[in-house]
Amino acid sequence: MVRNLSRQPRSVGELAEPFEISLAAASKHIKVLEGAGIVQREVQGRTHVCRLDARPLHAGMEWMRHYEQFWNQRLDALESLLRTEDRENAARKAPSRKPAAGKPSRSSRSKR
């Protein structure tokens, strides 16, 4: 419905048509959109014409952009921390070098 209204004002019947719903059901949906401030309805004789008011949608997008940036920063920091931790764990688990068989280690040579 919102997409149809973004092109031009439509009657309730025109908004209901593509969805195979009754005019009463379409009207209920439109009332929800009106309550959100997204749709304005005007009565012209027996016809109810609906118009889109996109301002609340723009405000919602700004809110989402703010929190998208907020969470992207937090998730990037978490990813960096986890990668550092993985590298440190891998370094700790790396096998230490053992002296070749038959060759004394430096520490055993110095004890002689």
C-alpha atoms as a PDB file:
ATOM      1  CA  MET A   1       0.000   0.000   0.000  1.00  0.00           C
ATOM      2  CA  VAL A   2       2.757   2.408   0.923  1.00  0.00           C
ATOM      3  CA  ARG A   3       4.549   1.729  -2.364  1.00  0.00           C
ATOM      4  CA  ASN A   4       1.347   2.463  -4.294  1.00  0.00           C
ATOM      5  CA  LEU A   5       0.851   5.672  -2.347  1.00  0.00           C
ATOM      6  CA  SER A   6       4.422   6.752  -3.029  1.00  0.00           C
ATOM      7  CA  ARG A   7       3.501   7.084  -6.711  1.00  0.00           C
ATOM      8  CA  GLN A   8       0.261   9.041  -6.308  1.00  0.00           C
ATOM      9  CA  PRO A   9      -2.785   9.403  -4.035  1.00  0.00           C
ATOM     10  CA  ARG A  10      -5.154   6.405  -4.231  1.00  0.00           C
ATOM     11  CA  SER A  11      -8.646   5.534  -3.118  1.00  0.00           C
ATOM     12  CA  VAL A  12      -9.179   2.818  -0.524  1.00  0.00           C
ATOM     13  CA  GLY A  13     -10.552   0.575  -3.300  1.00  0.00           C
ATOM     14  CA  GLU A  14      -7.422   1.097  -5.414  1.00  0.00           C
ATOM     15  CA  LEU A  15      -5.216   0.275  -2.431  1.00  0.00           C
ATOM     16  CA  ALA A  16      -7.209  -2.880  -1.626  1.00  0.00           C
ATOM     17  CA  GLU A  17      -7.357  -4.207  -5.199  1.00  0.00           C
ATOM     18  CA  PRO A  18      -3.905  -5.851  -5.555  1.00  0.00           C
ATOM     19  CA  PHE A  19      -4.227  -7.660  -2.205  1.00  0.00           C
ATOM     20  CA  GLU A  20      -7.567  -9.438  -2.656  1.00  0.00           C
ATOM     21  CA  ILE A  21      -8.875  -8.050   0.634  1.00  0.00           C
ATOM     22  CA  SER A  22     -12.176  -6.406   1.459  1.00  0.00           C
ATOM     23  CA  LEU A  23     -12.580  -2.650   1.624  1.00  0.00           C
ATOM     24  CA  ALA A  24     -13.159  -2.995   5.377  1.00  0.00           C
ATOM     25  CA  ALA A  25      -9.848  -4.870   5.813  1.00  0.00           C
ATOM     26  CA  ALA A  26      -8.035  -2.318   3.650  1.00  0.00           C
ATOM     27  CA  SER A  27      -9.545   0.467   5.697  1.00  0.00           C
ATOM     28  CA  LYS A  28      -8.240  -1.140   8.903  1.00  0.00           C
ATOM     29  CA  HIS A  29      -4.745  -1.316   7.430  1.00  0.00           C
ATOM     30  CA  ILE A  30      -4.977   2.291   6.324  1.00  0.00           C
ATOM     31  CA  LYS A  31      -6.084   3.349   9.817  1.00  0.00           C
ATOM     32  CA  VAL A  32      -2.900   1.810  11.219  1.00  0.00           C
ATOM     33  CA  LEU A  33      -0.852   3.763   8.674  1.00  0.00           C
ATOM     34  CA  GLU A  34      -2.813   6.906   9.581  1.00  0.00           C
ATOM     35  CA  GLY A  35      -2.080   6.292  13.257  1.00  0.00           C
ATOM     36  CA  ALA A  36       1.620   6.128  12.431  1.00  0.00           C
ATOM     37  CA  GLY A  37       1.319   9.424  10.584  1.00  0.00           C
ATOM     38  CA  ILE A  38       2.343   7.840   7.284  1.00  0.00           C
ATOM     39  CA  VAL A  39      -1.000   8.226   5.498  1.00  0.00           C
ATOM     40  CA  GLN A  40      -3.468  11.086   5.374  1.00  0.00           C
ATOM     41  CA  ARG A  41      -7.030  10.327   4.317  1.00  0.00           C
ATOM     42  CA  GLU A  42      -9.334  12.856   2.705  1.00  0.00           C
ATOM     43  CA  VAL A  43     -13.018  12.247   2.044  1.00  0.00           C
ATOM     44  CA  GLN A  44     -14.170  13.440  -1.367  1.00  0.00           C
ATOM     45  CA  GLY A  45     -17.885  12.711  -1.526  1.00  0.00           C
ATOM     46  CA  ARG A  46     -18.190   8.941  -1.038  1.00  0.00           C
ATOM     47  CA  THR A  47     -14.567   8.289  -1.937  1.00  0.00           C
ATOM     48  CA  HIS A  48     -11.752   8.185   0.597  1.00  0.00           C
ATOM     49  CA  VAL A  49      -8.494   9.304  -0.999  1.00  0.00           C
ATOM     50  CA  CYS A  50      -5.243   8.485   0.762  1.00  0.00           C
ATOM     51  CA  ARG A  51      -1.955  10.353   0.426  1.00  0.00           C
ATOM     52  CA  LEU A  52       1.484   9.361   1.642  1.00  0.00           C
ATOM     53  CA  ASP A  53       3.251  11.568   4.166  1.00  0.00           C
ATOM     54  CA  ALA A  54       6.824  10.259   4.089  1.00  0.00           C
ATOM     55  CA  ARG A  55       8.181  12.500   6.877  1.00  0.00           C
ATOM     56  CA  PRO A  56       7.747   9.861   9.615  1.00  0.00           C
ATOM     57  CA  LEU A  57       9.531   7.337   7.367  1.00  0.00           C
ATOM     58  CA  HIS A  58      12.473   9.716   6.953  1.00  0.00           C
ATOM     59  CA  ALA A  59      12.659  10.236  10.706  1.00  0.00           C
ATOM     60  CA  GLY A  60      12.654   6.459  11.181  1.00  0.00           C
ATOM     61  CA  MET A  61      15.454   6.047   8.645  1.00  0.00           C
ATOM     62  CA  GLU A  62      17.565   8.664  10.444  1.00  0.00           C
ATOM     63  CA  TRP A  63      17.032   6.807  13.717  1.00  0.00           C
ATOM     64  CA  MET A  64      18.070   3.504  12.081  1.00  0.00           C
ATOM     65  CA  ARG A  65      21.164   5.095  10.481  1.00  0.00           C
ATOM     66  CA  HIS A  66      22.264   6.390  13.871  1.00  0.00           C
ATOM     67  CA  TYR A  67      21.970   2.970  15.474  1.00  0.00           C
ATOM     68  CA  GLU A  68      23.474   1.232  12.446  1.00  0.00           C
ATOM     69  CA  GLN A  69      26.590   3.364  12.880  1.00  0.00           C
ATOM     70  CA  PHE A  70      26.564   2.776  16.653  1.00  0.00           C
ATOM     71  CA  TRP A  71      26.349  -1.019  16.307  1.00  0.00           C
ATOM     72  CA  ASN A  72      28.816  -1.195  13.416  1.00  0.00           C
ATOM     73  CA  GLN A  73      31.411   0.556  15.584  1.00  0.00           C
ATOM     74  CA  ARG A  74      30.740  -1.784  18.500  1.00  0.00           C
ATOM     75  CA  LEU A  75      30.844  -4.900  16.331  1.00  0.00           C
ATOM     76  CA  ASP A  76      34.063  -3.763  14.608  1.00  0.00           C
ATOM     77  CA  ALA A  77      35.676  -3.292  18.028  1.00  0.00           C
ATOM     78  CA  LEU A  78      34.495  -6.746  19.117  1.00  0.00           C
ATOM     79  CA  GLU A  79      35.840  -8.312  15.917  1.00  0.00           C
ATOM     80  CA  SER A  80      39.229  -6.666  16.461  1.00  0.00           C
ATOM     81  CA  LEU A  81      39.352  -7.886  20.049  1.00  0.00           C
ATOM     82  CA  LEU A  82      38.450 -11.447  19.064  1.00  0.00           C
ATOM     83  CA  ARG A  83      41.038 -11.524  16.254  1.00  0.00           C
ATOM     84  CA  THR A  84      43.738 -10.329  18.673  1.00  0.00           C
ATOM     85  CA  GLU A  85      42.692 -12.947  21.190  1.00  0.00           C
ATOM     86  CA  ASP A  86      42.787 -15.666  18.500  1.00  0.00           C
ATOM     87  CA  ARG A  87      46.320 -14.643  17.474  1.00  0.00           C
ATOM     88  CA  GLU A  88      47.497 -14.671  21.100  1.00  0.00           C
ATOM     89  CA  ASN A  89      45.950 -18.091  21.713  1.00  0.00           C
ATOM     90  CA  ALA A  90      47.521 -19.470  18.534  1.00  0.00           C
ATOM     91  CA  ALA A  91      50.933 -18.146  19.584  1.00  0.00           C
ATOM     92  CA  ARG A  92      50.629 -19.819  23.002  1.00  0.00           C
ATOM     93  CA  LYS A  93      49.641 -23.143  21.464  1.00  0.00           C
ATOM     94  CA  ALA A  94      52.414 -23.133  18.846  1.00  0.00           C
ATOM     95  CA  PRO A  95      54.824 -26.037  19.494  1.00  0.00           C
ATOM     96  CA  SER A  96      58.042 -24.919  21.133  1.00  0.00           C
ATOM     97  CA  ARG A  97      61.307 -25.874  19.434  1.00  0.00           C
ATOM     98  CA  LYS A  98      62.859 -28.976  20.933  1.00  0.00           C
ATOM     99  CA  PRO A  99      66.547 -29.801  20.459  1.00  0.00           C
ATOM    100  CA  ALA A 100      67.278 -32.399  17.824  1.00  0.00           C
ATOM    101  CA  ALA A 101      67.905 -35.935  19.110  1.00  0.00           C
ATOM    102  CA  GLY A 102      71.480 -36.401  20.273  1.00  0.00           C
ATOM    103  CA  LYS A 103      72.246 -32.680  20.582  1.00  0.00           C
ATOM    104  CA  PRO A 104      72.183 -31.243  24.084  1.00  0.00           C
ATOM    105  CA  SER A 105      70.141 -28.127  24.624  1.00  0.00           C
ATOM    106  CA  ARG A 106      71.865 -24.873  25.528  1.00  0.00           C
ATOM    107  CA  SER A 107      70.701 -25.119  29.102  1.00  0.00           C
ATOM    108  CA  SER A 108      72.158 -28.625  29.532  1.00  0.00           C
ATOM    109  CA  ARG A 109      75.475 -27.525  27.931  1.00  0.00           C
ATOM    110  CA  SER A 110      75.867 -24.673  30.352  1.00  0.00           C
ATOM    111  CA  LYS A 111      75.418 -26.983  33.357  1.00  0.00           C
ATOM    112  CA  ARG A 112      78.532 -28.972  32.417  1.00  0.00           C
END
